[in-house]
Full PDB file with SEQRES, HELIX, SHEET, SSBOND, CRYST1, ORIGX, SCALE, CONECT and MASTER records, all heavy atoms in Angstrom:
SEQRES   1 A   29  VAL ALA PHE ARG GLY ILE ALA GLU GLY VAL GLU ASN SER          
SEQRES   2 A   29  ASN PHE VAL LEU ARG THR ALA HIS ASN GLU ALA GLN ARG          
SEQRES   3 A   29  ASP PHE ILE                                                  
SHEET    1 AA1 3 ALA A   2  GLY A   5  0                                        
SHEET    2 AA1 3 PHE A  15  HIS A  21 -1                                        
SHEET    3 AA1 3 ALA A  24  PHE A  28 -1                                        
CRYST1    1.000    1.000    1.000  90.00  90.00  90.00 P 1           1          
ORIGX1      1.000000  0.000000  0.000000        0.00000                         
ORIGX2      0.000000  1.000000  0.000000        0.00000                         
ORIGX3      0.000000  0.000000  1.000000        0.00000                         
SCALE1      1.000000  0.000000  0.000000        0.00000                         
SCALE2      0.000000  1.000000  0.000000        0.00000                         
SCALE3      0.000000  0.000000  1.000000        0.00000                         
ATOM      1  N   VAL A   1     142.068  96.248  62.672  1.00  0.00           N  
ATOM      2  CA  VAL A   1     141.578  95.215  61.879  1.00  0.00           C  
ATOM      3  C   VAL A   1     140.544  94.444  62.611  1.00  0.00           C  
ATOM      4  O   VAL A   1     139.548  94.012  62.000  1.00  0.00           O  
ATOM      5  CB  VAL A   1     142.782  94.326  61.351  1.00  0.00           C  
ATOM      6  CG1 VAL A   1     142.267  93.065  60.604  1.00  0.00           C  
ATOM      7  CG2 VAL A   1     143.828  95.078  60.566  1.00  0.00           C  
ATOM      8  N   ALA A   2     140.864  94.082  63.767  1.00  0.00           N  
ATOM      9  CA  ALA A   2     139.864  93.240  64.620  1.00  0.00           C  
ATOM     10  C   ALA A   2     139.905  93.638  66.013  1.00  0.00           C  
ATOM     11  O   ALA A   2     141.037  94.008  66.579  1.00  0.00           O  
ATOM     12  CB  ALA A   2     140.162  91.790  64.448  1.00  0.00           C  
ATOM     13  N   PHE A   3     138.921  93.240  66.823  1.00  0.00           N  
ATOM     14  CA  PHE A   3     138.838  93.622  68.149  1.00  0.00           C  
ATOM     15  C   PHE A   3     137.937  92.630  68.906  1.00  0.00           C  
ATOM     16  O   PHE A   3     136.798  92.538  68.412  1.00  0.00           O  
ATOM     17  CB  PHE A   3     138.383  95.186  68.204  1.00  0.00           C  
ATOM     18  CG  PHE A   3     138.060  95.724  69.679  1.00  0.00           C  
ATOM     19  CD1 PHE A   3     139.282  95.702  70.568  1.00  0.00           C  
ATOM     20  CD2 PHE A   3     136.890  95.886  70.264  1.00  0.00           C  
ATOM     21  CE1 PHE A   3     139.192  96.164  71.957  1.00  0.00           C  
ATOM     22  CE2 PHE A   3     136.748  96.385  71.560  1.00  0.00           C  
ATOM     23  CZ  PHE A   3     137.941  96.597  72.369  1.00  0.00           C  
ATOM     24  N   ARG A   4     138.292  92.067  69.907  1.00  0.00           N  
ATOM     25  CA  ARG A   4     137.474  91.101  70.614  1.00  0.00           C  
ATOM     26  C   ARG A   4     137.685  91.046  72.139  1.00  0.00           C  
ATOM     27  O   ARG A   4     138.987  91.153  72.456  1.00  0.00           O  
ATOM     28  CB  ARG A   4     137.403  89.679  70.011  1.00  0.00           C  
ATOM     29  CG  ARG A   4     138.838  89.053  70.169  1.00  0.00           C  
ATOM     30  CD  ARG A   4     138.649  87.585  69.579  1.00  0.00           C  
ATOM     31  NE  ARG A   4     140.041  86.936  69.632  1.00  0.00           N  
ATOM     32  CZ  ARG A   4     140.541  86.384  70.733  1.00  0.00           C  
ATOM     33  NH1 ARG A   4     139.916  86.230  71.805  1.00  0.00           N  
ATOM     34  NH2 ARG A   4     141.789  85.740  70.580  1.00  0.00           N  
ATOM     35  N   GLY A   5     136.754  90.812  72.947  1.00  0.00           N  
ATOM     36  CA  GLY A   5     137.065  90.662  74.328  1.00  0.00           C  
ATOM     37  C   GLY A   5     137.591  89.264  74.706  1.00  0.00           C  
ATOM     38  O   GLY A   5     137.374  88.283  73.938  1.00  0.00           O  
ATOM     39  N   ILE A   6     138.233  89.255  75.744  1.00  0.00           N  
ATOM     40  CA  ILE A   6     138.867  87.980  76.344  1.00  0.00           C  
ATOM     41  C   ILE A   6     138.067  87.487  77.570  1.00  0.00           C  
ATOM     42  O   ILE A   6     137.951  88.209  78.460  1.00  0.00           O  
ATOM     43  CB  ILE A   6     140.243  88.130  76.747  1.00  0.00           C  
ATOM     44  CG1 ILE A   6     141.100  88.579  75.465  1.00  0.00           C  
ATOM     45  CG2 ILE A   6     140.948  86.841  77.291  1.00  0.00           C  
ATOM     46  CD1 ILE A   6     142.602  88.843  75.827  1.00  0.00           C  
ATOM     47  N   ALA A   7     137.519  86.292  77.550  1.00  0.00           N  
ATOM     48  CA  ALA A   7     136.597  85.928  78.489  1.00  0.00           C  
ATOM     49  C   ALA A   7     137.325  85.470  79.846  1.00  0.00           C  
ATOM     50  O   ALA A   7     136.690  85.482  80.940  1.00  0.00           O  
ATOM     51  CB  ALA A   7     135.674  84.700  78.010  1.00  0.00           C  
ATOM     52  N   GLU A   8     138.536  85.127  79.799  1.00  0.00           N  
ATOM     53  CA  GLU A   8     139.331  84.596  80.979  1.00  0.00           C  
ATOM     54  C   GLU A   8     139.844  85.798  81.808  1.00  0.00           C  
ATOM     55  O   GLU A   8     140.072  86.991  81.308  1.00  0.00           O  
ATOM     56  CB  GLU A   8     140.491  83.739  80.568  1.00  0.00           C  
ATOM     57  CG  GLU A   8     140.006  82.533  79.883  1.00  0.00           C  
ATOM     58  CD  GLU A   8     141.081  81.758  79.206  1.00  0.00           C  
ATOM     59  OE1 GLU A   8     142.198  82.287  79.004  1.00  0.00           O  
ATOM     60  OE2 GLU A   8     140.942  80.551  78.851  1.00  0.00           O  
ATOM     61  N   GLY A   9     140.074  85.518  83.086  1.00  0.00           N  
ATOM     62  CA  GLY A   9     140.552  86.515  84.010  1.00  0.00           C  
ATOM     63  C   GLY A   9     139.476  86.939  84.852  1.00  0.00           C  
ATOM     64  O   GLY A   9     138.178  86.721  84.557  1.00  0.00           O  
ATOM     65  N   VAL A  10     139.712  87.549  85.984  1.00  0.00           N  
ATOM     66  CA  VAL A  10     138.714  88.147  86.893  1.00  0.00           C  
ATOM     67  C   VAL A  10     138.865  89.367  87.472  1.00  0.00           C  
ATOM     68  O   VAL A  10     137.995  90.104  88.065  1.00  0.00           O  
ATOM     69  CB  VAL A  10     138.717  87.213  88.178  1.00  0.00           C  
ATOM     70  CG1 VAL A  10     138.335  85.739  87.876  1.00  0.00           C  
ATOM     71  CG2 VAL A  10     140.034  87.064  88.970  1.00  0.00           C  
ATOM     72  N   GLU A  11     139.955  90.196  87.124  1.00  0.00           N  
ATOM     73  CA  GLU A  11     140.295  91.505  87.727  1.00  0.00           C  
ATOM     74  C   GLU A  11     139.948  92.645  86.741  1.00  0.00           C  
ATOM     75  O   GLU A  11     139.496  93.633  87.097  1.00  0.00           O  
ATOM     76  CB  GLU A  11     141.709  91.629  88.107  1.00  0.00           C  
ATOM     77  CG  GLU A  11     142.033  90.618  89.326  1.00  0.00           C  
ATOM     78  CD  GLU A  11     141.345  90.968  90.536  1.00  0.00           C  
ATOM     79  OE1 GLU A  11     141.126  92.232  90.754  1.00  0.00           O  
ATOM     80  OE2 GLU A  11     141.027  90.065  91.306  1.00  0.00           O  
ATOM     81  N   ASN A  12     140.379  92.538  85.507  1.00  0.00           N  
ATOM     82  CA  ASN A  12     140.310  93.670  84.550  1.00  0.00           C  
ATOM     83  C   ASN A  12     139.579  93.264  83.242  1.00  0.00           C  
ATOM     84  O   ASN A  12     139.261  92.071  83.026  1.00  0.00           O  
ATOM     85  CB  ASN A  12     141.653  94.118  84.193  1.00  0.00           C  
ATOM     86  CG  ASN A  12     142.548  94.445  85.355  1.00  0.00           C  
ATOM     87  OD1 ASN A  12     142.063  95.377  86.220  1.00  0.00           O  
ATOM     88  ND2 ASN A  12     143.683  93.944  85.677  1.00  0.00           N  
ATOM     89  N   SER A  13     139.307  94.267  82.511  1.00  0.00           N  
ATOM     90  CA  SER A  13     138.615  94.071  81.184  1.00  0.00           C  
ATOM     91  C   SER A  13     139.773  93.902  80.066  1.00  0.00           C  
ATOM     92  O   SER A  13     140.516  94.836  80.077  1.00  0.00           O  
ATOM     93  CB  SER A  13     137.720  95.155  80.780  1.00  0.00           C  
ATOM     94  OG  SER A  13     136.697  95.179  81.665  1.00  0.00           O  
ATOM     95  N   ASN A  14     139.846  92.713  79.379  1.00  0.00           N  
ATOM     96  CA  ASN A  14     140.807  92.573  78.353  1.00  0.00           C  
ATOM     97  C   ASN A  14     140.403  92.335  77.022  1.00  0.00           C  
ATOM     98  O   ASN A  14     139.350  91.602  76.867  1.00  0.00           O  
ATOM     99  CB  ASN A  14     141.754  91.337  78.952  1.00  0.00           C  
ATOM    100  CG  ASN A  14     142.482  91.633  80.239  1.00  0.00           C  
ATOM    101  OD1 ASN A  14     143.386  92.311  80.228  1.00  0.00           O  
ATOM    102  ND2 ASN A  14     141.932  91.007  81.272  1.00  0.00           N  
ATOM    103  N   PHE A  15     141.058  92.818  76.062  1.00  0.00           N  
ATOM    104  CA  PHE A  15     140.801  92.610  74.662  1.00  0.00           C  
ATOM    105  C   PHE A  15     141.932  92.349  73.807  1.00  0.00           C  
ATOM    106  O   PHE A  15     143.057  92.769  74.172  1.00  0.00           O  
ATOM    107  CB  PHE A  15     140.096  93.940  74.219  1.00  0.00           C  
ATOM    108  CG  PHE A  15     138.876  94.474  74.972  1.00  0.00           C  
ATOM    109  CD1 PHE A  15     139.188  95.291  76.122  1.00  0.00           C  
ATOM    110  CD2 PHE A  15     137.639  94.170  74.743  1.00  0.00           C  
ATOM    111  CE1 PHE A  15     138.129  95.767  76.855  1.00  0.00           C  
ATOM    112  CE2 PHE A  15     136.490  94.797  75.320  1.00  0.00           C  
ATOM    113  CZ  PHE A  15     136.809  95.425  76.539  1.00  0.00           C  
ATOM    114  N   VAL A  16     141.639  91.557  72.730  1.00  0.00           N  
ATOM    115  CA  VAL A  16     142.714  91.420  71.751  1.00  0.00           C  
ATOM    116  C   VAL A  16     142.570  92.409  70.557  1.00  0.00           C  
ATOM    117  O   VAL A  16     141.395  92.502  70.172  1.00  0.00           O  
ATOM    118  CB  VAL A  16     142.794  90.022  71.104  1.00  0.00           C  
ATOM    119  CG1 VAL A  16     143.761  89.858  70.015  1.00  0.00           C  
ATOM    120  CG2 VAL A  16     143.006  89.026  72.194  1.00  0.00           C  
ATOM    121  N   LEU A  17     143.561  93.173  70.326  1.00  0.00           N  
ATOM    122  CA  LEU A  17     143.484  94.033  69.201  1.00  0.00           C  
ATOM    123  C   LEU A  17     144.454  93.424  68.002  1.00  0.00           C  
ATOM    124  O   LEU A  17     145.442  93.005  68.278  1.00  0.00           O  
ATOM    125  CB  LEU A  17     144.210  95.414  69.511  1.00  0.00           C  
ATOM    126  CG  LEU A  17     143.495  96.374  70.588  1.00  0.00           C  
ATOM    127  CD1 LEU A  17     144.457  97.429  70.981  1.00  0.00           C  
ATOM    128  CD2 LEU A  17     142.246  96.960  69.975  1.00  0.00           C  
ATOM    129  N   ARG A  18     143.938  93.514  66.798  1.00  0.00           N  
ATOM    130  CA  ARG A  18     144.750  93.364  65.711  1.00  0.00           C  
ATOM    131  C   ARG A  18     144.756  94.601  64.824  1.00  0.00           C  
ATOM    132  O   ARG A  18     143.762  95.139  64.553  1.00  0.00           O  
ATOM    133  CB  ARG A  18     144.127  92.161  64.822  1.00  0.00           C  
ATOM    134  CG  ARG A  18     145.039  91.850  63.542  1.00  0.00           C  
ATOM    135  CD  ARG A  18     144.572  90.564  63.033  1.00  0.00           C  
ATOM    136  NE  ARG A  18     145.062  89.403  63.950  1.00  0.00           N  
ATOM    137  CZ  ARG A  18     144.858  88.054  63.758  1.00  0.00           C  
ATOM    138  NH1 ARG A  18     144.239  87.681  62.653  1.00  0.00           N  
ATOM    139  NH2 ARG A  18     145.368  87.276  64.581  1.00  0.00           N  
ATOM    140  N   THR A  19     145.983  94.990  64.547  1.00  0.00           N  
ATOM    141  CA  THR A  19     146.129  96.180  63.708  1.00  0.00           C  
ATOM    142  C   THR A  19     147.003  95.865  62.423  1.00  0.00           C  
ATOM    143  O   THR A  19     147.615  94.864  62.467  1.00  0.00           O  
ATOM    144  CB  THR A  19     146.873  97.345  64.607  1.00  0.00           C  
ATOM    145  OG1 THR A  19     148.199  96.894  64.882  1.00  0.00           O  
ATOM    146  CG2 THR A  19     146.156  97.573  65.864  1.00  0.00           C  
ATOM    147  N   ALA A  20     146.939  96.710  61.572  1.00  0.00           N  
ATOM    148  CA  ALA A  20     147.735  96.547  60.361  1.00  0.00           C  
ATOM    149  C   ALA A  20     148.437  97.894  60.076  1.00  0.00           C  
ATOM    150  O   ALA A  20     148.018  98.980  60.236  1.00  0.00           O  
ATOM    151  CB  ALA A  20     146.846  96.330  59.119  1.00  0.00           C  
ATOM    152  N   HIS A  21     149.765  97.704  59.815  1.00  0.00           N  
ATOM    153  CA  HIS A  21     150.767  98.867  59.488  1.00  0.00           C  
ATOM    154  C   HIS A  21     151.562  98.374  58.385  1.00  0.00           C  
ATOM    155  O   HIS A  21     152.349  97.541  58.465  1.00  0.00           O  
ATOM    156  CB  HIS A  21     151.601  99.097  60.672  1.00  0.00           C  
ATOM    157  CG  HIS A  21     152.479 100.302  60.598  1.00  0.00           C  
ATOM    158  ND1 HIS A  21     152.085 101.639  60.498  1.00  0.00           N  
ATOM    159  CD2 HIS A  21     153.923 100.438  60.584  1.00  0.00           C  
ATOM    160  CE1 HIS A  21     152.946 102.401  60.397  1.00  0.00           C  
ATOM    161  NE2 HIS A  21     154.102 101.815  60.391  1.00  0.00           N  
ATOM    162  N   ASN A  22     151.479  99.119  57.219  1.00  0.00           N  
ATOM    163  CA  ASN A  22     152.281  98.871  56.130  1.00  0.00           C  
ATOM    164  C   ASN A  22     152.009  97.375  55.675  1.00  0.00           C  
ATOM    165  O   ASN A  22     152.948  96.648  55.378  1.00  0.00           O  
ATOM    166  CB  ASN A  22     153.879  99.013  56.247  1.00  0.00           C  
ATOM    167  CG  ASN A  22     154.106 100.512  56.470  1.00  0.00           C  
ATOM    168  OD1 ASN A  22     153.379 101.361  55.879  1.00  0.00           O  
ATOM    169  ND2 ASN A  22     155.164 100.855  57.223  1.00  0.00           N  
ATOM    170  N   GLU A  23     150.748  97.000  55.703  1.00  0.00           N  
ATOM    171  CA  GLU A  23     150.266  95.622  55.253  1.00  0.00           C  
ATOM    172  C   GLU A  23     150.741  94.594  56.240  1.00  0.00           C  
ATOM    173  O   GLU A  23     150.349  93.276  55.997  1.00  0.00           O  
ATOM    174  CB  GLU A  23     150.852  95.348  53.785  1.00  0.00           C  
ATOM    175  CG  GLU A  23     150.272  96.313  52.755  1.00  0.00           C  
ATOM    176  CD  GLU A  23     150.646  95.879  51.354  1.00  0.00           C  
ATOM    177  OE1 GLU A  23     151.366  94.792  51.271  1.00  0.00           O  
ATOM    178  OE2 GLU A  23     150.198  96.556  50.495  1.00  0.00           O  
ATOM    179  N   ALA A  24     151.564  94.829  57.310  1.00  0.00           N  
ATOM    180  CA  ALA A  24     151.906  93.822  58.225  1.00  0.00           C  
ATOM    181  C   ALA A  24     150.792  93.887  59.460  1.00  0.00           C  
ATOM    182  O   ALA A  24     150.623  94.926  59.911  1.00  0.00           O  
ATOM    183  CB  ALA A  24     153.205  93.979  58.763  1.00  0.00           C  
ATOM    184  N   GLN A  25     150.239  92.792  59.762  1.00  0.00           N  
ATOM    185  CA  GLN A  25     149.326  92.755  60.969  1.00  0.00           C  
ATOM    186  C   GLN A  25     150.053  92.357  62.296  1.00  0.00           C  
ATOM    187  O   GLN A  25     150.878  91.421  62.315  1.00  0.00           O  
ATOM    188  CB  GLN A  25     148.137  91.742  60.632  1.00  0.00           C  
ATOM    189  CG  GLN A  25     147.341  92.276  59.463  1.00  0.00           C  
ATOM    190  CD  GLN A  25     145.980  91.391  59.242  1.00  0.00           C  
ATOM    191  OE1 GLN A  25     145.769  90.544  60.053  1.00  0.00           O  
ATOM    192  NE2 GLN A  25     145.328  91.751  58.233  1.00  0.00           N  
ATOM    193  N   ARG A  26     149.608  92.883  63.332  1.00  0.00           N  
ATOM    194  CA  ARG A  26     150.094  92.516  64.686  1.00  0.00           C  
ATOM    195  C   ARG A  26     148.954  92.509  65.644  1.00  0.00           C  
ATOM    196  O   ARG A  26     148.124  93.169  65.517  1.00  0.00           O  
ATOM    197  CB  ARG A  26     151.206  93.566  65.069  1.00  0.00           C  
ATOM    198  CG  ARG A  26     152.440  93.629  64.289  1.00  0.00           C  
ATOM    199  CD  ARG A  26     153.405  94.711  64.778  1.00  0.00           C  
ATOM    200  NE  ARG A  26     153.771  94.383  66.179  1.00  0.00           N  
ATOM    201  CZ  ARG A  26     154.487  95.272  66.931  1.00  0.00           C  
ATOM    202  NH1 ARG A  26     154.738  96.369  66.527  1.00  0.00           N  
ATOM    203  NH2 ARG A  26     154.874  94.852  68.224  1.00  0.00           N  
ATOM    204  N   ASP A  27     149.175  91.563  66.651  1.00  0.00           N  
ATOM    205  CA  ASP A  27     148.139  91.457  67.712  1.00  0.00           C  
ATOM    206  C   ASP A  27     148.722  92.191  68.938  1.00  0.00           C  
ATOM    207  O   ASP A  27     149.868  92.163  69.267  1.00  0.00           O  
ATOM    208  CB  ASP A  27     147.846  90.138  67.981  1.00  0.00           C  
ATOM    209  CG  ASP A  27     147.013  89.448  66.995  1.00  0.00           C  
ATOM    210  OD1 ASP A  27     146.335  90.089  66.165  1.00  0.00           O  
ATOM    211  OD2 ASP A  27     147.132  88.125  66.808  1.00  0.00           O  
ATOM    212  N   PHE A  28     147.876  92.865  69.765  1.00  0.00           N  
ATOM    213  CA  PHE A  28     148.108  93.440  70.951  1.00  0.00           C  
ATOM    214  C   PHE A  28     147.084  93.135  71.959  1.00  0.00           C  
ATOM    215  O   PHE A  28     145.972  92.636  71.660  1.00  0.00           O  
ATOM    216  CB  PHE A  28     148.222  94.900  70.894  1.00  0.00           C  
ATOM    217  CG  PHE A  28     149.253  95.506  69.970  1.00  0.00           C  
ATOM    218  CD1 PHE A  28     149.002  95.648  68.558  1.00  0.00           C  
ATOM    219  CD2 PHE A  28     150.536  95.721  70.303  1.00  0.00           C  
ATOM    220  CE1 PHE A  28     149.999  96.105  67.627  1.00  0.00           C  
ATOM    221  CE2 PHE A  28     151.617  96.127  69.457  1.00  0.00           C  
ATOM    222  CZ  PHE A  28     151.231  96.384  68.113  1.00  0.00           C  
ATOM    223  N   ILE A  29     147.360  93.391  73.364  1.00  0.00           N  
ATOM    224  CA  ILE A  29     146.402  93.318  74.312  1.00  0.00           C  
ATOM    225  C   ILE A  29     145.984  94.561  74.810  1.00  0.00           C  
ATOM    226  O   ILE A  29     146.896  95.400  75.178  1.00  0.00           O  
ATOM    227  CB  ILE A  29     146.800  92.347  75.495  1.00  0.00           C  
ATOM    228  CG1 ILE A  29     147.021  90.837  75.009  1.00  0.00           C  
ATOM    229  CG2 ILE A  29     145.760  92.352  76.546  1.00  0.00           C  
ATOM    230  CD1 ILE A  29     145.890  90.122  74.499  1.00  0.00           C  
TER     231      ILE A  29                                                      
MASTER        0    0    0    0    3    0    0    6  230    1    0    3          
END                                                                             
């Protein structure tokens, strides 16, 4: 559903993922 980078942190590349499954949305890293 959505995907964006996270500006904080210094070691790795991090993103927030939002997905939809059976109309329910969830966020992941």
